[in-house]
Protein backbone atom coordinates (compact mmCIF):
# COMPACT_ATOMS: atom_id res chain seq x y z
CA THR A 1 -7.25 49.01 -15.51
CA SER A 2 -7.99 47.23 -18.77
CA SER A 3 -4.40 45.92 -18.81
CA SER A 4 -4.80 44.58 -15.27
CA SER A 5 -8.10 42.99 -16.21
CA ARG A 6 -6.55 41.28 -19.23
CA SER A 7 -3.71 40.02 -17.06
CA LYS A 8 -6.13 38.50 -14.55
CA GLN A 9 -8.17 36.89 -17.33
CA LYS A 10 -5.01 35.42 -18.85
CA GLN A 11 -3.95 34.08 -15.44
CA MET A 12 -7.36 32.48 -14.89
CA GLN A 13 -7.21 30.95 -18.36
CA THR A 14 -3.79 29.49 -17.56
CA TYR A 15 -5.19 27.85 -14.40
CA ASP A 16 -8.15 26.47 -16.36
CA ASP A 17 -5.83 25.01 -19.00
CA ALA A 18 -3.60 23.27 -16.41
CA PRO A 19 -3.57 19.48 -16.90
CA SER A 20 -5.35 17.33 -14.34
CA ALA A 21 -3.49 15.04 -11.94
CA GLU A 22 -4.74 12.05 -13.93
CA ALA A 23 -3.39 13.53 -17.17
CA ILE A 24 -0.01 14.20 -15.54
CA GLU A 25 0.23 10.60 -14.28
CA LYS A 26 -0.70 9.27 -17.72
CA ARG A 27 2.00 11.44 -19.29
CA LYS A 28 4.58 10.17 -16.77
CA GLU A 29 3.65 6.60 -17.66
CA GLN A 30 4.02 7.30 -21.39
CA ILE A 31 7.47 8.81 -20.85
CA SER A 32 8.54 5.87 -18.66
CA ARG A 33 7.40 3.34 -21.27
CA ALA A 34 9.31 5.24 -23.97
CA LEU A 35 12.50 5.38 -21.88
CA ALA A 36 12.17 1.68 -21.01
CA ARG A 37 12.88 0.77 -24.65
CA ASN A 38 16.46 1.99 -24.17
CA ALA A 39 16.99 0.53 -20.69
CA GLY A 40 19.81 -1.94 -20.08
CA PRO A 41 19.41 -5.73 -20.25
CA ASP A 42 19.26 -6.04 -16.45
CA ALA A 43 16.43 -3.49 -16.13
CA SER A 44 13.27 -4.92 -14.63
CA PRO A 45 9.84 -4.49 -16.24
CA LEU A 46 7.85 -1.49 -15.08
CA PRO A 47 4.98 -2.35 -12.71
CA ASN A 48 1.66 -3.05 -14.38
CA THR A 49 -0.20 0.17 -13.62
CA SER A 50 -3.55 -1.55 -14.12
CA LEU A 51 -2.87 -3.39 -10.83
CA ILE A 52 -2.36 -0.13 -8.90
CA GLY A 53 -5.50 0.91 -7.07
CA PRO A 54 -6.14 3.67 -4.51
CA VAL A 55 -3.12 5.38 -2.92
CA GLY A 56 -2.61 7.68 0.04
CA PHE A 57 -0.56 8.91 3.00
CA ILE A 58 -0.61 7.28 6.43
CA LEU A 59 1.48 7.06 9.61
CA THR A 60 2.81 3.56 10.23
CA ARG A 61 4.52 1.37 12.81
CA ILE A 62 5.71 -1.85 11.17
CA SER A 63 9.23 -2.61 12.45
CA PHE A 64 9.99 -4.12 15.84
CA ARG A 65 11.62 -0.86 16.95
CA THR A 66 8.72 1.40 15.99
CA LEU A 67 6.17 -1.01 17.45
CA LEU A 68 8.11 -1.22 20.74
CA LEU A 69 8.79 2.50 21.06
CA LYS A 70 5.41 3.55 19.60
CA ARG A 71 7.20 5.78 17.15
CA TRP A 72 5.20 6.69 14.04
CA LYS A 73 6.71 7.11 10.57
CA GLN A 74 5.15 8.83 7.58
CA SER A 75 4.45 6.35 4.78
CA TYR A 76 2.72 6.16 1.43
CA TRP A 77 0.49 3.20 0.57
CA ALA A 78 -0.92 1.71 -2.61
CA LYS A 79 -3.36 -1.10 -3.24
CA TRP A 80 -1.72 -3.66 -5.54
CA GLY A 81 -4.05 -6.01 -7.36
CA PRO A 82 -7.13 -7.36 -5.59
CA THR A 83 -5.47 -8.73 -2.44
CA SER A 84 -2.24 -6.84 -1.68
CA LEU A 85 -1.12 -3.65 0.05
CA LEU A 86 2.25 -1.98 -0.64
CA LEU A 87 3.88 0.47 1.77
CA PHE A 88 6.59 2.95 0.77
CA ARG A 89 8.65 5.43 2.79
CA SER A 90 7.35 8.34 0.70
CA GLN A 91 5.34 9.24 -2.39
CA ALA A 92 8.64 9.98 -4.15
CA GLN A 93 9.80 6.38 -3.63
CA PHE A 94 6.43 5.11 -4.87
CA ASP A 95 6.82 7.24 -8.03
CA ASP A 96 10.39 5.97 -8.45
CA TRP A 97 9.22 2.33 -8.11
CA LYS A 98 6.39 2.92 -10.55
CA ASN A 99 8.07 5.09 -13.23
CA ASN A 100 11.85 4.54 -13.21
CA PRO A 101 12.62 2.15 -16.10
CA TYR A 102 16.32 1.75 -15.23
CA HIS A 103 15.99 -0.18 -11.93
CA ASN A 104 16.88 -3.85 -11.87
CA GLN A 105 14.47 -6.06 -9.94
CA ARG A 106 16.44 -5.89 -6.69
CA GLU A 107 16.53 -2.08 -6.77
CA ARG A 108 12.83 -1.84 -7.60
CA ASP A 109 11.90 -4.28 -4.83
CA PHE A 110 14.10 -2.38 -2.36
CA LEU A 111 11.80 0.65 -2.67
CA ILE A 112 8.92 -1.37 -1.20
CA ARG A 113 9.05 -0.95 2.55
CA MET A 114 6.46 -3.66 3.18
CA LYS A 115 4.10 -5.84 1.16
CA ILE A 116 1.07 -7.57 2.67
CA ASP A 117 -0.57 -10.16 0.42
CA PHE A 118 -3.73 -11.17 2.24
CA SER A 119 -4.00 -14.30 0.10
CA GLY A 120 -0.41 -15.26 -0.71
CA ASP A 121 0.83 -14.75 2.87
CA LEU A 122 -1.17 -17.82 3.90
CA ILE A 123 1.29 -19.79 1.77
CA ASN A 124 4.47 -17.72 2.04
CA ILE A 125 4.47 -17.28 5.83
CA ALA A 126 4.71 -20.57 7.70
CA GLY A 127 1.86 -20.98 10.17
CA CYS A 128 -0.07 -17.93 8.97
CA ARG A 129 -3.81 -18.44 9.39
CA GLY A 130 -4.97 -15.00 8.27
CA TYR A 131 -5.43 -11.38 9.31
CA LYS A 132 -7.70 -9.45 11.63
CA ILE A 133 -8.34 -5.72 11.36
CA THR A 134 -9.40 -3.78 14.45
CA SER A 135 -11.87 -0.93 14.63
CA VAL A 136 -10.67 2.69 14.49
CA LYS A 137 -9.93 4.28 17.86
CA ARG A 138 -8.74 7.68 19.05
CA LYS A 139 -5.62 7.83 21.22
CA ALA A 140 -3.18 10.47 22.48
CA TYR A 141 0.51 9.63 21.91
CA GLY A 142 1.71 12.76 23.71
CA ARG A 143 0.55 15.96 25.39
CA ARG A 144 0.23 18.10 22.26
CA GLU A 145 -2.98 18.36 20.29
CA SER A 146 -1.12 17.00 17.24
CA ASP A 147 -0.37 13.83 19.21
CA MET A 148 -4.05 12.83 19.19
CA LEU A 149 -4.43 10.25 16.41
CA MET A 150 -7.07 8.04 14.87
CA HIS A 151 -5.56 4.57 14.58
CA PHE A 152 -6.18 0.87 13.98
CA LYS A 153 -4.12 -2.33 13.99
CA LEU A 154 -3.65 -5.13 11.50
CA GLU A 155 -3.03 -8.41 13.32
CA ARG A 156 -1.51 -11.50 11.73
CA HIS A 157 -2.91 -14.70 13.23
CA MET A 158 -0.41 -17.53 13.46
CA ASP A 159 -0.72 -21.10 14.66
CA TYR A 160 0.73 -20.01 18.02
CA GLY A 161 -1.41 -16.85 18.39
CA ALA A 162 -1.81 -13.28 17.15
CA THR A 163 1.01 -10.85 16.32
CA ILE A 164 0.85 -7.22 15.19
CA ALA A 165 1.64 -6.97 11.48
CA ALA A 166 1.26 -3.18 11.32
CA CYS A 167 -0.32 -0.18 13.00
CA PHE A 168 -1.80 2.70 11.02
CA ALA A 169 -2.76 6.20 12.17
CA SER A 170 -3.44 9.79 11.15
CA GLN A 171 -4.85 13.03 12.49
CA ASP A 172 -7.11 12.96 9.45
CA ALA A 173 -9.97 10.50 9.91
CA ASP A 174 -10.50 10.34 6.13
CA GLU A 175 -6.94 9.06 5.60
CA VAL A 176 -7.49 6.31 8.17
CA GLU A 177 -10.88 5.28 6.80
CA ALA A 178 -9.61 5.24 3.20
CA LEU A 179 -6.84 2.78 4.08
CA ARG A 180 -9.07 0.66 6.31
CA LYS A 181 -11.63 0.40 3.49
CA VAL A 182 -8.93 -0.83 1.10
CA ILE A 183 -7.70 -3.45 3.61
CA VAL A 184 -11.25 -4.74 4.11
CA GLU A 185 -11.60 -4.99 0.31
CA CYS A 186 -8.33 -6.97 0.13
CA ILE A 187 -9.54 -9.37 2.83
CA LYS A 188 -12.84 -9.89 1.04
CA SER A 189 -11.07 -10.47 -2.29
CA ALA A 190 -8.69 -12.97 -0.66
CA ARG A 191 -11.68 -14.73 0.85
CA SER A 192 -13.39 -14.94 -2.54
CA VAL A 193 -10.43 -16.83 -4.06
CA GLY A 194 -10.67 -19.49 -1.40
CA SER A 195 -8.28 -18.33 1.31
CA ARG A 196 -9.00 -19.05 4.96
CA MET A 197 -9.18 -15.68 6.70
CA ILE A 198 -9.82 -14.47 10.22
CA VAL A 199 -11.91 -11.30 10.17
CA THR A 200 -13.43 -8.90 12.62
CA ALA A 201 -16.73 -9.71 14.25
CA GLN A 202 -18.27 -6.81 12.38
CA GLU A 203 -17.31 -8.38 9.05
CA ASP A 204 -18.17 -12.10 9.26
CA PRO A 205 -17.60 -13.81 12.62
CA GLY A 206 -16.55 -17.42 12.75
CA VAL A 207 -16.19 -18.02 9.00
CA ARG A 208 -13.32 -20.31 7.97
CA TYR A 209 -11.97 -21.14 4.55
CA ASN A 210 -9.87 -23.92 3.12
CA ARG A 211 -6.21 -23.20 2.53
CA PRO A 212 -5.39 -23.18 -1.23
CA THR A 213 -2.68 -25.48 -2.58
CA VAL A 214 -0.13 -23.48 -4.58
CA HIS A 215 3.64 -23.28 -5.01
CA ALA A 216 6.02 -21.65 -2.52
CA GLY A 217 6.68 -17.99 -3.24
CA TYR A 218 3.13 -17.57 -4.47
CA ASP A 219 1.93 -14.05 -5.25
CA SER A 220 -1.83 -13.84 -5.74
CA ASP A 221 -1.53 -10.64 -7.81
CA THR A 222 1.26 -11.82 -10.13
CA PRO A 223 1.06 -15.64 -9.87
CA MET A 224 3.62 -16.28 -12.62
CA ARG A 225 6.38 -14.46 -10.75
CA GLN A 226 8.66 -16.37 -8.35
CA PRO A 227 9.70 -15.71 -5.70
CA SER A 228 7.39 -13.06 -4.27
CA PHE A 229 9.08 -10.06 -2.63
CA ARG A 230 7.39 -9.10 0.62
CA GLY A 231 9.29 -5.92 1.50
CA ARG A 232 11.74 -4.82 4.19
CA TYR A 233 10.83 -4.95 7.86
CA ASP A 234 13.98 -3.61 9.52
CA ASP A 235 13.42 0.14 9.15
């Protein structure tokens, strides 16, 4: 009995001594920085982790095929700087993009499934006037209980009208609200640096902003880098 008790105490102590998720991520970053010193000459710099904000899982429809067929794909998102959102196929690809010091720039950029720069897109996308985010709604995409999703749309407003930039959904309302909160923050940050944005009526109806004058390929989060990579839209 005493032996069993000691074993349980030791097991509990092991759990208590386990490093936190934050400590694990910090250790990964330290290892990546150390390995980067021996990377080849064509290796790209590791992403500036200070620009990485909240992250999370979400279901997405961003390609023409998935939007047309209403087919959802699991994705992993990360806020990048004050005005951008990055989408990845999986958390593993996000970790690879963030921590692998041996990728050249093309390989690192290839891991980004989609980038939305709520400020820079006004310059990089011809005719883009801004973005509108819809409210969260509940909708069934099939007959099963698991097909009932909370979802919202991100619309890109062009000179010729509105198009759907992306659709986001989840069974978990917290996942949806977490991403929507980040997108609203990006829109507000883009607005604060002088971008003209279209927002929902709940946010600030009818407000317009002057278009900033900057170089082509502008990236509001890393303004010294040209050109800006916006991600892949064909998958």
